[in-house]
Amino acid sequence: MSAQHRGPDCDLLGDAMKALVVSGHLVVLGLLGYLVEHQPPQYQPLTAASAPDTDLGAESL
């Protein structure tokens, strides 16, 4: 009896798992990017909360 070589073994389950993991990572990254871009403003910027620039030294002269 001679053994026949039928070509490279196809690992269909491994390929499907790789595709599932890669697509899952892409979905998570996409959702995180979407949430970062569309988050409501929670805090006012420091420049908006600061006092306006006034020259207090000129009034006392």
PDB file of N, CA and C in Angstrom:
ATOM      1  N   MET A   1       0.832  -1.174   0.000  1.00  0.00           N
ATOM      2  CA  MET A   1       0.000   0.000   0.000  1.00  0.00           C
ATOM      3  C   MET A   1       0.886   1.251   0.000  1.00  0.00           C
ATOM      4  N   SER A   2       0.518   2.152  -0.807  1.00  0.00           N
ATOM      5  CA  SER A   2       1.256   3.407  -0.829  1.00  0.00           C
ATOM      6  C   SER A   2       0.328   4.527  -0.368  1.00  0.00           C
ATOM      7  N   ALA A   3       0.870   5.425   0.382  1.00  0.00           N
ATOM      8  CA  ALA A   3       0.072   6.547   0.895  1.00  0.00           C
ATOM      9  C   ALA A   3       0.035   7.636  -0.162  1.00  0.00           C
ATOM     10  N   GLN A   4      -1.113   8.176  -0.375  1.00  0.00           N
ATOM     11  CA  GLN A   4      -1.248   9.270  -1.331  1.00  0.00           C
ATOM     12  C   GLN A   4      -1.243  10.602  -0.578  1.00  0.00           C
ATOM     13  N   HIS A   5      -0.560  11.530  -1.169  1.00  0.00           N
ATOM     14  CA  HIS A   5      -0.540  12.875  -0.577  1.00  0.00           C
ATOM     15  C   HIS A   5      -1.683  13.670  -1.193  1.00  0.00           C
ATOM     16  N   ARG A   6      -2.578  14.124  -0.387  1.00  0.00           N
ATOM     17  CA  ARG A   6      -3.765  14.810  -0.884  1.00  0.00           C
ATOM     18  C   ARG A   6      -3.636  16.328  -0.843  1.00  0.00           C
ATOM     19  N   GLY A   7      -2.489  16.860  -0.624  1.00  0.00           N
ATOM     20  CA  GLY A   7      -2.315  18.298  -0.578  1.00  0.00           C
ATOM     21  C   GLY A   7      -2.265  18.792   0.858  1.00  0.00           C
ATOM     22  N   PRO A   8      -2.116  20.095   1.014  1.00  0.00           N
ATOM     23  CA  PRO A   8      -2.039  20.646   2.378  1.00  0.00           C
ATOM     24  C   PRO A   8      -3.376  20.478   3.105  1.00  0.00           C
ATOM     25  N   ASP A   9      -3.255  20.240   4.382  1.00  0.00           N
ATOM     26  CA  ASP A   9      -4.468  20.104   5.200  1.00  0.00           C
ATOM     27  C   ASP A   9      -5.165  21.456   5.306  1.00  0.00           C
ATOM     28  N   CYS A  10      -6.441  21.451   5.086  1.00  0.00           N
ATOM     29  CA  CYS A  10      -7.237  22.672   5.223  1.00  0.00           C
ATOM     30  C   CYS A  10      -7.826  22.708   6.622  1.00  0.00           C
ATOM     31  N   ASP A  11      -7.459  23.716   7.364  1.00  0.00           N
ATOM     32  CA  ASP A  11      -7.971  23.882   8.720  1.00  0.00           C
ATOM     33  C   ASP A  11      -9.099  24.904   8.658  1.00  0.00           C
ATOM     34  N   LEU A  12     -10.272  24.450   8.278  1.00  0.00           N
ATOM     35  CA  LEU A  12     -11.401  25.361   8.107  1.00  0.00           C
ATOM     36  C   LEU A  12     -11.844  25.981   9.430  1.00  0.00           C
ATOM     37  N   LEU A  13     -11.803  25.199  10.489  1.00  0.00           N
ATOM     38  CA  LEU A  13     -12.210  25.725  11.784  1.00  0.00           C
ATOM     39  C   LEU A  13     -11.232  26.803  12.268  1.00  0.00           C
ATOM     40  N   GLY A  14      -9.941  26.583  12.075  1.00  0.00           N
ATOM     41  CA  GLY A  14      -8.947  27.582  12.475  1.00  0.00           C
ATOM     42  C   GLY A  14      -9.086  28.866  11.676  1.00  0.00           C
ATOM     43  N   ASP A  15      -9.334  28.730  10.369  1.00  0.00           N
ATOM     44  CA  ASP A  15      -9.523  29.916   9.537  1.00  0.00           C
ATOM     45  C   ASP A  15     -10.780  30.679   9.947  1.00  0.00           C
ATOM     46  N   ALA A  16     -11.831  29.952  10.276  1.00  0.00           N
ATOM     47  CA  ALA A  16     -13.072  30.611  10.702  1.00  0.00           C
ATOM     48  C   ALA A  16     -12.870  31.329  12.040  1.00  0.00           C
ATOM     49  N   MET A  17     -12.122  30.722  12.939  1.00  0.00           N
ATOM     50  CA  MET A  17     -11.869  31.361  14.238  1.00  0.00           C
ATOM     51  C   MET A  17     -11.010  32.612  14.073  1.00  0.00           C
ATOM     52  N   LYS A  18     -10.014  32.554  13.176  1.00  0.00           N
ATOM     53  CA  LYS A  18      -9.199  33.741  12.918  1.00  0.00           C
ATOM     54  C   LYS A  18     -10.056  34.877  12.381  1.00  0.00           C
ATOM     55  N   ALA A  19     -10.926  34.553  11.431  1.00  0.00           N
ATOM     56  CA  ALA A  19     -11.800  35.579  10.851  1.00  0.00           C
ATOM     57  C   ALA A  19     -12.733  36.152  11.907  1.00  0.00           C
ATOM     58  N   LEU A  20     -13.237  35.304  12.787  1.00  0.00           N
ATOM     59  CA  LEU A  20     -14.132  35.761  13.844  1.00  0.00           C
ATOM     60  C   LEU A  20     -13.412  36.689  14.820  1.00  0.00           C
ATOM     61  N   VAL A  21     -12.202  36.341  15.198  1.00  0.00           N
ATOM     62  CA  VAL A  21     -11.438  37.165  16.143  1.00  0.00           C
ATOM     63  C   VAL A  21     -11.077  38.508  15.511  1.00  0.00           C
ATOM     64  N   VAL A  22     -10.634  38.485  14.259  1.00  0.00           N
ATOM     65  CA  VAL A  22     -10.255  39.730  13.589  1.00  0.00           C
ATOM     66  C   VAL A  22     -11.475  40.633  13.414  1.00  0.00           C
ATOM     67  N   SER A  23     -12.587  40.058  12.982  1.00  0.00           N
ATOM     68  CA  SER A  23     -13.783  40.889  12.795  1.00  0.00           C
ATOM     69  C   SER A  23     -14.299  41.409  14.140  1.00  0.00           C
ATOM     70  N   GLY A  24     -14.177  40.639  15.192  1.00  0.00           N
ATOM     71  CA  GLY A  24     -14.579  41.104  16.518  1.00  0.00           C
ATOM     72  C   GLY A  24     -13.741  42.278  16.982  1.00  0.00           C
ATOM     73  N   HIS A  25     -12.433  42.210  16.736  1.00  0.00           N
ATOM     74  CA  HIS A  25     -11.565  43.330  17.096  1.00  0.00           C
ATOM     75  C   HIS A  25     -11.927  44.581  16.301  1.00  0.00           C
ATOM     76  N   LEU A  26     -12.205  44.415  15.036  1.00  0.00           N
ATOM     77  CA  LEU A  26     -12.570  45.566  14.210  1.00  0.00           C
ATOM     78  C   LEU A  26     -13.885  46.192  14.665  1.00  0.00           C
ATOM     79  N   VAL A  27     -14.837  45.366  15.057  1.00  0.00           N
ATOM     80  CA  VAL A  27     -16.123  45.889  15.540  1.00  0.00           C
ATOM     81  C   VAL A  27     -15.932  46.657  16.840  1.00  0.00           C
ATOM     82  N   VAL A  28     -15.139  46.107  17.748  1.00  0.00           N
ATOM     83  CA  VAL A  28     -14.901  46.781  19.034  1.00  0.00           C
ATOM     84  C   VAL A  28     -14.182  48.112  18.818  1.00  0.00           C
ATOM     85  N   LEU A  29     -13.162  48.130  17.950  1.00  0.00           N
ATOM     86  CA  LEU A  29     -12.466  49.379  17.680  1.00  0.00           C
ATOM     87  C   LEU A  29     -13.395  50.401  17.029  1.00  0.00           C
ATOM     88  N   GLY A  30     -14.256  49.941  16.144  1.00  0.00           N
ATOM     89  CA  GLY A  30     -15.208  50.852  15.516  1.00  0.00           C
ATOM     90  C   GLY A  30     -16.185  51.434  16.518  1.00  0.00           C
ATOM     91  N   LEU A  31     -16.697  50.600  17.421  1.00  0.00           N
ATOM     92  CA  LEU A  31     -17.624  51.090  18.444  1.00  0.00           C
ATOM     93  C   LEU A  31     -16.947  52.069  19.399  1.00  0.00           C
ATOM     94  N   LEU A  32     -15.702  51.775  19.783  1.00  0.00           N
ATOM     95  CA  LEU A  32     -14.991  52.698  20.664  1.00  0.00           C
ATOM     96  C   LEU A  32     -14.752  54.037  19.973  1.00  0.00           C
ATOM     97  N   GLY A  33     -14.394  54.002  18.700  1.00  0.00           N
ATOM     98  CA  GLY A  33     -14.210  55.240  17.958  1.00  0.00           C
ATOM     99  C   GLY A  33     -15.496  56.026  17.844  1.00  0.00           C
ATOM    100  N   TYR A  34     -16.600  55.328  17.615  1.00  0.00           N
ATOM    101  CA  TYR A  34     -17.899  55.993  17.521  1.00  0.00           C
ATOM    102  C   TYR A  34     -18.274  56.640  18.853  1.00  0.00           C
ATOM    103  N   LEU A  35     -18.063  55.923  19.946  1.00  0.00           N
ATOM    104  CA  LEU A  35     -18.414  56.460  21.262  1.00  0.00           C
ATOM    105  C   LEU A  35     -17.548  57.656  21.632  1.00  0.00           C
ATOM    106  N   VAL A  36     -16.280  57.636  21.252  1.00  0.00           N
ATOM    107  CA  VAL A  36     -15.406  58.765  21.552  1.00  0.00           C
ATOM    108  C   VAL A  36     -15.838  59.990  20.766  1.00  0.00           C
ATOM    109  N   GLU A  37     -16.217  59.808  19.512  1.00  0.00           N
ATOM    110  CA  GLU A  37     -16.610  60.943  18.676  1.00  0.00           C
ATOM    111  C   GLU A  37     -17.980  61.502  19.062  1.00  0.00           C
ATOM    112  N   HIS A  38     -18.865  60.690  19.608  1.00  0.00           N
ATOM    113  CA  HIS A  38     -20.236  61.127  19.864  1.00  0.00           C
ATOM    114  C   HIS A  38     -20.585  61.214  21.343  1.00  0.00           C
ATOM    115  N   GLN A  39     -19.586  61.369  22.197  1.00  0.00           N
ATOM    116  CA  GLN A  39     -19.893  61.494  23.620  1.00  0.00           C
ATOM    117  C   GLN A  39     -20.361  62.913  23.913  1.00  0.00           C
ATOM    118  N   PRO A  40     -21.315  63.073  24.806  1.00  0.00           N
ATOM    119  CA  PRO A  40     -21.787  64.425  25.146  1.00  0.00           C
ATOM    120  C   PRO A  40     -20.720  65.158  25.955  1.00  0.00           C
ATOM    121  N   PRO A  41     -20.669  66.471  25.822  1.00  0.00           N
ATOM    122  CA  PRO A  41     -19.680  67.223  26.615  1.00  0.00           C
ATOM    123  C   PRO A  41     -20.060  67.173  28.090  1.00  0.00           C
ATOM    124  N   GLN A  42     -19.152  66.710  28.902  1.00  0.00           N
ATOM    125  CA  GLN A  42     -19.427  66.580  30.329  1.00  0.00           C
ATOM    126  C   GLN A  42     -18.834  67.732  31.126  1.00  0.00           C
ATOM    127  N   TYR A  43     -17.736  68.249  30.646  1.00  0.00           N
ATOM    128  CA  TYR A  43     -17.046  69.293  31.386  1.00  0.00           C
ATOM    129  C   TYR A  43     -16.814  70.481  30.462  1.00  0.00           C
ATOM    130  N   GLN A  44     -16.829  71.670  31.043  1.00  0.00           N
ATOM    131  CA  GLN A  44     -16.512  72.858  30.263  1.00  0.00           C
ATOM    132  C   GLN A  44     -14.993  72.966  30.155  1.00  0.00           C
ATOM    133  N   PRO A  45     -14.511  73.433  29.042  1.00  0.00           N
ATOM    134  CA  PRO A  45     -13.057  73.627  28.931  1.00  0.00           C
ATOM    135  C   PRO A  45     -12.574  74.664  29.926  1.00  0.00           C
ATOM    136  N   LEU A  46     -11.331  74.567  30.307  1.00  0.00           N
ATOM    137  CA  LEU A  46     -10.781  75.492  31.296  1.00  0.00           C
ATOM    138  C   LEU A  46     -10.785  76.925  30.782  1.00  0.00           C
ATOM    139  N   THR A  47     -10.633  77.129  29.493  1.00  0.00           N
ATOM    140  CA  THR A  47     -10.608  78.493  28.972  1.00  0.00           C
ATOM    141  C   THR A  47     -11.975  79.156  29.089  1.00  0.00           C
ATOM    142  N   ALA A  48     -13.048  78.408  28.975  1.00  0.00           N
ATOM    143  CA  ALA A  48     -14.381  78.991  29.090  1.00  0.00           C
ATOM    144  C   ALA A  48     -14.713  79.322  30.539  1.00  0.00           C
ATOM    145  N   ALA A  49     -14.136  78.604  31.483  1.00  0.00           N
ATOM    146  CA  ALA A  49     -14.441  78.833  32.890  1.00  0.00           C
ATOM    147  C   ALA A  49     -13.556  79.916  33.504  1.00  0.00           C
ATOM    148  N   SER A  50     -12.489  80.303  32.821  1.00  0.00           N
ATOM    149  CA  SER A  50     -11.584  81.296  33.398  1.00  0.00           C
ATOM    150  C   SER A  50     -12.160  82.703  33.236  1.00  0.00           C
ATOM    151  N   ALA A  51     -11.657  83.608  34.035  1.00  0.00           N
ATOM    152  CA  ALA A  51     -12.126  84.994  33.999  1.00  0.00           C
ATOM    153  C   ALA A  51     -11.605  85.665  32.729  1.00  0.00           C
ATOM    154  N   PRO A  52     -12.360  86.615  32.198  1.00  0.00           N
ATOM    155  CA  PRO A  52     -11.882  87.324  31.005  1.00  0.00           C
ATOM    156  C   PRO A  52     -10.655  88.163  31.332  1.00  0.00           C
ATOM    157  N   ASP A  53      -9.840  88.389  30.319  1.00  0.00           N
ATOM    158  CA  ASP A  53      -8.624  89.173  30.510  1.00  0.00           C
ATOM    159  C   ASP A  53      -8.989  90.649  30.677  1.00  0.00           C
ATOM    160  N   THR A  54      -8.658  91.199  31.835  1.00  0.00           N
ATOM    161  CA  THR A  54      -8.856  92.626  32.077  1.00  0.00           C
ATOM    162  C   THR A  54      -7.577  93.182  32.664  1.00  0.00           C
ATOM    163  N   ASP A  55      -7.321  94.393  32.395  1.00  0.00           N
ATOM    164  CA  ASP A  55      -6.129  95.057  32.912  1.00  0.00           C
ATOM    165  C   ASP A  55      -6.497  95.746  34.225  1.00  0.00           C
ATOM    166  N   LEU A  56      -6.317  95.027  35.326  1.00  0.00           N
ATOM    167  CA  LEU A  56      -6.681  95.580  36.627  1.00  0.00           C
ATOM    168  C   LEU A  56      -5.683  96.631  37.102  1.00  0.00           C
ATOM    169  N   GLY A  57      -4.453  96.596  36.640  1.00  0.00           N
ATOM    170  CA  GLY A  57      -3.449  97.542  37.076  1.00  0.00           C
ATOM    171  C   GLY A  57      -3.712  98.950  36.548  1.00  0.00           C
ATOM    172  N   ALA A  58      -4.344  99.102  35.423  1.00  0.00           N
ATOM    173  CA  ALA A  58      -4.588 100.427  34.851  1.00  0.00           C
ATOM    174  C   ALA A  58      -5.684 101.168  35.622  1.00  0.00           C
ATOM    175  N   GLU A  59      -6.602 100.472  36.242  1.00  0.00           N
ATOM    176  CA  GLU A  59      -7.679 101.129  36.996  1.00  0.00           C
ATOM    177  C   GLU A  59      -7.168 101.756  38.291  1.00  0.00           C
ATOM    178  N   SER A  60      -6.126 101.191  38.876  1.00  0.00           N
ATOM    179  CA  SER A  60      -5.656 101.703  40.160  1.00  0.00           C
ATOM    180  C   SER A  60      -4.729 102.896  40.003  1.00  0.00           C
ATOM    181  N   LEU A  61      -4.307 103.222  38.788  1.00  0.00           N
ATOM    182  CA  LEU A  61      -3.401 104.362  38.613  1.00  0.00           C
ATOM    183  C   LEU A  61      -4.101 105.645  38.630  1.00  0.00           C
TER     184      LEU A  61
END
